């Protein structure tokens, strides 16, 4: 009987110091929609893509004219569950989403649209344009917000330059 009491006492002392496994919270998170429509170019050079995040899962659709508005099928699609740091970043950096630009964009502008909604709050919507002569709206802030999601997706276009001599 004495041995059992001593063993139980030792176990009781050690239990509070055991580190429980850290599980990811099972949180739906925000609903985020980001779209990029490149400048007006010939169809073979034009790029558009749409990223939708819902319940911690991102879906990217990449293509040419009509991909973002749904009038054309995307050439490539990818769906991926986002890791916890990325889902957390979408919530924590939401206050950095800039106000939407007003007015008309410059001719040939690239358009960046972002919609963020969480819970029952009204969605936050913003749009920014990049132009050859500069930007209208805070394109850098919009791109910085969606960057953690874009890093998780392999199908998004990457800018590459080739120097020929």
C-alpha atoms as a PDB file:
ATOM      1  CA  UNK A   1       0.000   0.000   0.000  1.00  0.00           C
ATOM      2  CA  UNK A   2       2.866   2.399   0.800  1.00  0.00           C
ATOM      3  CA  UNK A   3       4.457   1.838  -2.599  1.00  0.00           C
ATOM      4  CA  UNK A   4       1.203   2.695  -4.411  1.00  0.00           C
ATOM      5  CA  UNK A   5       0.808   5.969  -2.503  1.00  0.00           C
ATOM      6  CA  UNK A   6       4.391   7.023  -3.266  1.00  0.00           C
ATOM      7  CA  UNK A   7       4.001   6.124  -6.964  1.00  0.00           C
ATOM      8  CA  UNK A   8       0.718   8.028  -7.233  1.00  0.00           C
ATOM      9  CA  UNK A   9       2.271  11.051  -5.516  1.00  0.00           C
ATOM     10  CA  UNK A  10       5.215  11.055  -7.955  1.00  0.00           C
ATOM     11  CA  UNK A  11       2.884  10.792 -10.956  1.00  0.00           C
ATOM     12  CA  UNK A  12       0.753  13.661  -9.615  1.00  0.00           C
ATOM     13  CA  UNK A  13       3.846  15.843  -9.291  1.00  0.00           C
ATOM     14  CA  UNK A  14       5.064  15.089 -12.837  1.00  0.00           C
ATOM     15  CA  UNK A  15       1.737  15.495 -14.670  1.00  0.00           C
ATOM     16  CA  UNK A  16       1.463  19.293 -14.413  1.00  0.00           C
ATOM     17  CA  UNK A  17       4.897  19.614 -16.009  1.00  0.00           C
ATOM     18  CA  UNK A  18       4.087  17.451 -19.030  1.00  0.00           C
ATOM     19  CA  UNK A  19       3.679  19.499 -22.202  1.00  0.00           C
ATOM     20  CA  UNK A  20       0.454  18.716 -24.052  1.00  0.00           C
ATOM     21  CA  UNK A  21       0.599  18.461 -27.828  1.00  0.00           C
ATOM     22  CA  UNK A  22      -0.355  21.759 -29.479  1.00  0.00           C
ATOM     23  CA  UNK A  23      -3.250  21.131 -31.818  1.00  0.00           C
ATOM     24  CA  UNK A  24      -4.309  23.580 -34.466  1.00  0.00           C
ATOM     25  CA  UNK A  25      -7.546  25.314 -33.607  1.00  0.00           C
ATOM     26  CA  UNK A  26     -10.400  24.121 -35.767  1.00  0.00           C
ATOM     27  CA  UNK A  27     -11.502  27.565 -36.844  1.00  0.00           C
ATOM     28  CA  UNK A  28     -13.254  28.290 -40.124  1.00  0.00           C
ATOM     29  CA  UNK A  29     -11.499  31.645 -40.447  1.00  0.00           C
ATOM     30  CA  UNK A  30     -12.352  34.357 -42.901  1.00  0.00           C
ATOM     31  CA  UNK A  31     -13.721  34.142 -46.400  1.00  0.00           C
ATOM     32  CA  UNK A  32     -11.317  35.931 -48.721  1.00  0.00           C
ATOM     33  CA  UNK A  33     -11.600  36.495 -52.451  1.00  0.00           C
ATOM     34  CA  UNK A  34      -8.717  38.031 -54.364  1.00  0.00           C
ATOM     35  CA  UNK A  35      -8.593  38.567 -58.101  1.00  0.00           C
ATOM     36  CA  UNK A  36      -5.942  39.831 -60.438  1.00  0.00           C
ATOM     37  CA  UNK A  37      -6.758  40.941 -63.979  1.00  0.00           C
ATOM     38  CA  UNK A  38      -3.672  41.838 -65.972  1.00  0.00           C
ATOM     39  CA  UNK A  39      -3.405  44.746 -68.368  1.00  0.00           C
ATOM     40  CA  UNK A  40      -5.128  44.712 -71.736  1.00  0.00           C
ATOM     41  CA  UNK A  41      -2.849  42.704 -73.992  1.00  0.00           C
ATOM     42  CA  UNK A  42      -3.157  40.169 -76.782  1.00  0.00           C
ATOM     43  CA  UNK A  43      -4.981  37.053 -75.509  1.00  0.00           C
ATOM     44  CA  UNK A  44      -1.856  34.866 -75.563  1.00  0.00           C
ATOM     45  CA  UNK A  45      -0.145  37.287 -73.145  1.00  0.00           C
ATOM     46  CA  UNK A  46      -3.078  38.209 -70.896  1.00  0.00           C
ATOM     47  CA  UNK A  47      -3.254  36.704 -67.398  1.00  0.00           C
ATOM     48  CA  UNK A  48      -6.066  36.603 -64.876  1.00  0.00           C
ATOM     49  CA  UNK A  49      -6.462  34.636 -61.683  1.00  0.00           C
ATOM     50  CA  UNK A  50      -8.881  34.266 -58.830  1.00  0.00           C
ATOM     51  CA  UNK A  51      -8.109  32.991 -55.327  1.00  0.00           C
ATOM     52  CA  UNK A  52     -10.969  32.025 -53.020  1.00  0.00           C
ATOM     53  CA  UNK A  53     -10.325  31.092 -49.390  1.00  0.00           C
ATOM     54  CA  UNK A  54     -13.149  29.405 -47.508  1.00  0.00           C
ATOM     55  CA  UNK A  55     -12.961  27.301 -44.346  1.00  0.00           C
ATOM     56  CA  UNK A  56      -9.154  27.326 -44.480  1.00  0.00           C
ATOM     57  CA  UNK A  57      -9.009  25.983 -48.045  1.00  0.00           C
ATOM     58  CA  UNK A  58      -7.706  28.060 -50.956  1.00  0.00           C
ATOM     59  CA  UNK A  59      -8.771  27.517 -54.543  1.00  0.00           C
ATOM     60  CA  UNK A  60      -6.891  29.244 -57.356  1.00  0.00           C
ATOM     61  CA  UNK A  61      -8.168  29.530 -60.924  1.00  0.00           C
ATOM     62  CA  UNK A  62      -5.692  30.800 -63.508  1.00  0.00           C
ATOM     63  CA  UNK A  63      -6.313  31.644 -67.144  1.00  0.00           C
ATOM     64  CA  UNK A  64      -6.813  34.381 -69.682  1.00  0.00           C
ATOM     65  CA  UNK A  65      -9.684  36.714 -70.517  1.00  0.00           C
ATOM     66  CA  UNK A  66     -12.897  35.691 -68.735  1.00  0.00           C
ATOM     67  CA  UNK A  67     -11.323  33.610 -65.962  1.00  0.00           C
ATOM     68  CA  UNK A  68     -12.116  36.058 -63.150  1.00  0.00           C
ATOM     69  CA  UNK A  69     -15.653  36.939 -64.241  1.00  0.00           C
ATOM     70  CA  UNK A  70     -16.445  33.268 -64.969  1.00  0.00           C
ATOM     71  CA  UNK A  71     -17.198  33.651 -68.678  1.00  0.00           C
ATOM     72  CA  UNK A  72     -14.266  31.382 -69.604  1.00  0.00           C
ATOM     73  CA  UNK A  73     -12.924  28.224 -68.015  1.00  0.00           C
ATOM     74  CA  UNK A  74      -9.569  28.551 -66.275  1.00  0.00           C
ATOM     75  CA  UNK A  75      -6.600  26.821 -67.866  1.00  0.00           C
ATOM     76  CA  UNK A  76      -5.337  25.688 -64.443  1.00  0.00           C
ATOM     77  CA  UNK A  77      -6.988  25.152 -61.056  1.00  0.00           C
ATOM     78  CA  UNK A  78      -5.520  24.207 -57.678  1.00  0.00           C
ATOM     79  CA  UNK A  79      -7.147  23.606 -54.301  1.00  0.00           C
ATOM     80  CA  UNK A  80      -5.071  23.409 -51.155  1.00  0.00           C
ATOM     81  CA  UNK A  81      -5.707  23.389 -47.412  1.00  0.00           C
ATOM     82  CA  UNK A  82      -3.816  26.313 -45.912  1.00  0.00           C
ATOM     83  CA  UNK A  83      -1.487  25.797 -42.982  1.00  0.00           C
ATOM     84  CA  UNK A  84      -2.354  27.336 -39.629  1.00  0.00           C
ATOM     85  CA  UNK A  85       0.148  30.254 -39.797  1.00  0.00           C
ATOM     86  CA  UNK A  86      -1.339  31.341 -43.126  1.00  0.00           C
ATOM     87  CA  UNK A  87      -4.918  31.149 -41.831  1.00  0.00           C
ATOM     88  CA  UNK A  88      -3.893  33.090 -38.725  1.00  0.00           C
ATOM     89  CA  UNK A  89      -2.147  35.734 -40.862  1.00  0.00           C
ATOM     90  CA  UNK A  90      -5.346  36.320 -42.846  1.00  0.00           C
ATOM     91  CA  UNK A  91      -7.117  37.287 -39.631  1.00  0.00           C
ATOM     92  CA  UNK A  92      -4.285  39.151 -37.900  1.00  0.00           C
ATOM     93  CA  UNK A  93      -3.326  41.297 -40.897  1.00  0.00           C
ATOM     94  CA  UNK A  94      -6.908  42.136 -41.928  1.00  0.00           C
ATOM     95  CA  UNK A  95      -6.633  45.637 -40.386  1.00  0.00           C
ATOM     96  CA  UNK A  96      -3.894  46.365 -42.968  1.00  0.00           C
ATOM     97  CA  UNK A  97      -6.332  45.982 -45.872  1.00  0.00           C
ATOM     98  CA  UNK A  98      -6.380  49.460 -47.432  1.00  0.00           C
ATOM     99  CA  UNK A  99      -9.384  51.516 -48.437  1.00  0.00           C
ATOM    100  CA  UNK A 100     -10.594  51.108 -51.978  1.00  0.00           C
ATOM    101  CA  UNK A 101      -9.452  53.563 -54.630  1.00  0.00           C
ATOM    102  CA  UNK A 102     -12.143  55.770 -56.133  1.00  0.00           C
ATOM    103  CA  UNK A 103     -12.469  56.991 -59.682  1.00  0.00           C
ATOM    104  CA  UNK A 104     -11.600  55.348 -62.953  1.00  0.00           C
ATOM    105  CA  UNK A 105      -8.371  53.451 -63.503  1.00  0.00           C
ATOM    106  CA  UNK A 106      -5.722  54.564 -65.938  1.00  0.00           C
ATOM    107  CA  UNK A 107      -5.950  53.008 -69.430  1.00  0.00           C
ATOM    108  CA  UNK A 108      -4.588  49.456 -69.547  1.00  0.00           C
ATOM    109  CA  UNK A 109      -4.445  49.084 -65.757  1.00  0.00           C
ATOM    110  CA  UNK A 110      -4.004  45.791 -63.930  1.00  0.00           C
ATOM    111  CA  UNK A 111      -6.777  45.350 -61.380  1.00  0.00           C
ATOM    112  CA  UNK A 112      -6.390  43.899 -57.881  1.00  0.00           C
ATOM    113  CA  UNK A 113      -9.667  43.234 -56.006  1.00  0.00           C
ATOM    114  CA  UNK A 114      -9.948  41.888 -52.483  1.00  0.00           C
ATOM    115  CA  UNK A 115     -12.980  41.001 -50.386  1.00  0.00           C
ATOM    116  CA  UNK A 116     -12.617  39.949 -46.750  1.00  0.00           C
ATOM    117  CA  UNK A 117     -15.445  38.703 -44.524  1.00  0.00           C
ATOM    118  CA  UNK A 118     -15.463  36.982 -41.164  1.00  0.00           C
ATOM    119  CA  UNK A 119     -18.389  36.062 -38.989  1.00  0.00           C
ATOM    120  CA  UNK A 120     -21.437  38.251 -39.364  1.00  0.00           C
ATOM    121  CA  UNK A 121     -19.570  41.488 -40.000  1.00  0.00           C
ATOM    122  CA  UNK A 122     -20.055  43.310 -43.279  1.00  0.00           C
ATOM    123  CA  UNK A 123     -17.470  42.328 -45.911  1.00  0.00           C
ATOM    124  CA  UNK A 124     -14.551  44.672 -46.448  1.00  0.00           C
ATOM    125  CA  UNK A 125     -13.932  45.311 -50.151  1.00  0.00           C
ATOM    126  CA  UNK A 126     -11.042  47.055 -51.818  1.00  0.00           C
ATOM    127  CA  UNK A 127      -9.717  47.600 -55.302  1.00  0.00           C
ATOM    128  CA  UNK A 128      -6.376  48.969 -56.505  1.00  0.00           C
ATOM    129  CA  UNK A 129      -4.866  49.444 -59.942  1.00  0.00           C
ATOM    130  CA  UNK A 130      -1.310  49.219 -61.220  1.00  0.00           C
ATOM    131  CA  UNK A 131      -0.467  51.242 -64.271  1.00  0.00           C
ATOM    132  CA  UNK A 132       2.606  51.922 -66.357  1.00  0.00           C
ATOM    133  CA  UNK A 133       2.591  55.451 -64.942  1.00  0.00           C
ATOM    134  CA  UNK A 134       2.118  54.416 -61.292  1.00  0.00           C
ATOM    135  CA  UNK A 135      -0.575  52.957 -59.098  1.00  0.00           C
ATOM    136  CA  UNK A 136      -4.008  54.032 -57.980  1.00  0.00           C
ATOM    137  CA  UNK A 137      -4.801  52.697 -54.540  1.00  0.00           C
ATOM    138  CA  UNK A 138      -2.437  50.762 -52.321  1.00  0.00           C
ATOM    139  CA  UNK A 139      -1.462  47.831 -54.558  1.00  0.00           C
ATOM    140  CA  UNK A 140       1.488  46.960 -52.285  1.00  0.00           C
ATOM    141  CA  UNK A 141      -0.769  46.561 -49.230  1.00  0.00           C
ATOM    142  CA  UNK A 142      -3.268  44.400 -51.127  1.00  0.00           C
ATOM    143  CA  UNK A 143      -0.463  42.184 -52.463  1.00  0.00           C
ATOM    144  CA  UNK A 144       1.171  41.972 -49.009  1.00  0.00           C
ATOM    145  CA  UNK A 145      -2.118  40.803 -47.479  1.00  0.00           C
ATOM    146  CA  UNK A 146      -2.670  37.957 -49.967  1.00  0.00           C
ATOM    147  CA  UNK A 147       1.044  36.987 -50.258  1.00  0.00           C
ATOM    148  CA  UNK A 148       0.956  34.222 -47.570  1.00  0.00           C
ATOM    149  CA  UNK A 149      -1.805  32.466 -49.527  1.00  0.00           C
ATOM    150  CA  UNK A 150      -0.072  32.947 -52.884  1.00  0.00           C
ATOM    151  CA  UNK A 151       3.091  31.336 -51.474  1.00  0.00           C
ATOM    152  CA  UNK A 152       1.100  28.156 -50.783  1.00  0.00           C
ATOM    153  CA  UNK A 153      -0.174  27.865 -54.367  1.00  0.00           C
ATOM    154  CA  UNK A 154       1.988  26.485 -57.199  1.00  0.00           C
ATOM    155  CA  UNK A 155      -0.241  27.377 -60.172  1.00  0.00           C
ATOM    156  CA  UNK A 156      -0.040  31.157 -59.934  1.00  0.00           C
ATOM    157  CA  UNK A 157       1.941  32.944 -62.630  1.00  0.00           C
ATOM    158  CA  UNK A 158       5.449  34.003 -61.708  1.00  0.00           C
ATOM    159  CA  UNK A 159       7.181  36.887 -63.393  1.00  0.00           C
ATOM    160  CA  UNK A 160      10.332  35.855 -65.156  1.00  0.00           C
ATOM    161  CA  UNK A 161      12.614  37.856 -67.367  1.00  0.00           C
ATOM    162  CA  UNK A 162      14.796  36.550 -70.143  1.00  0.00           C
ATOM    163  CA  UNK A 163      17.684  38.664 -71.352  1.00  0.00           C
ATOM    164  CA  UNK A 164      18.691  38.093 -74.925  1.00  0.00           C
ATOM    165  CA  UNK A 165      21.716  39.623 -76.570  1.00  0.00           C
END
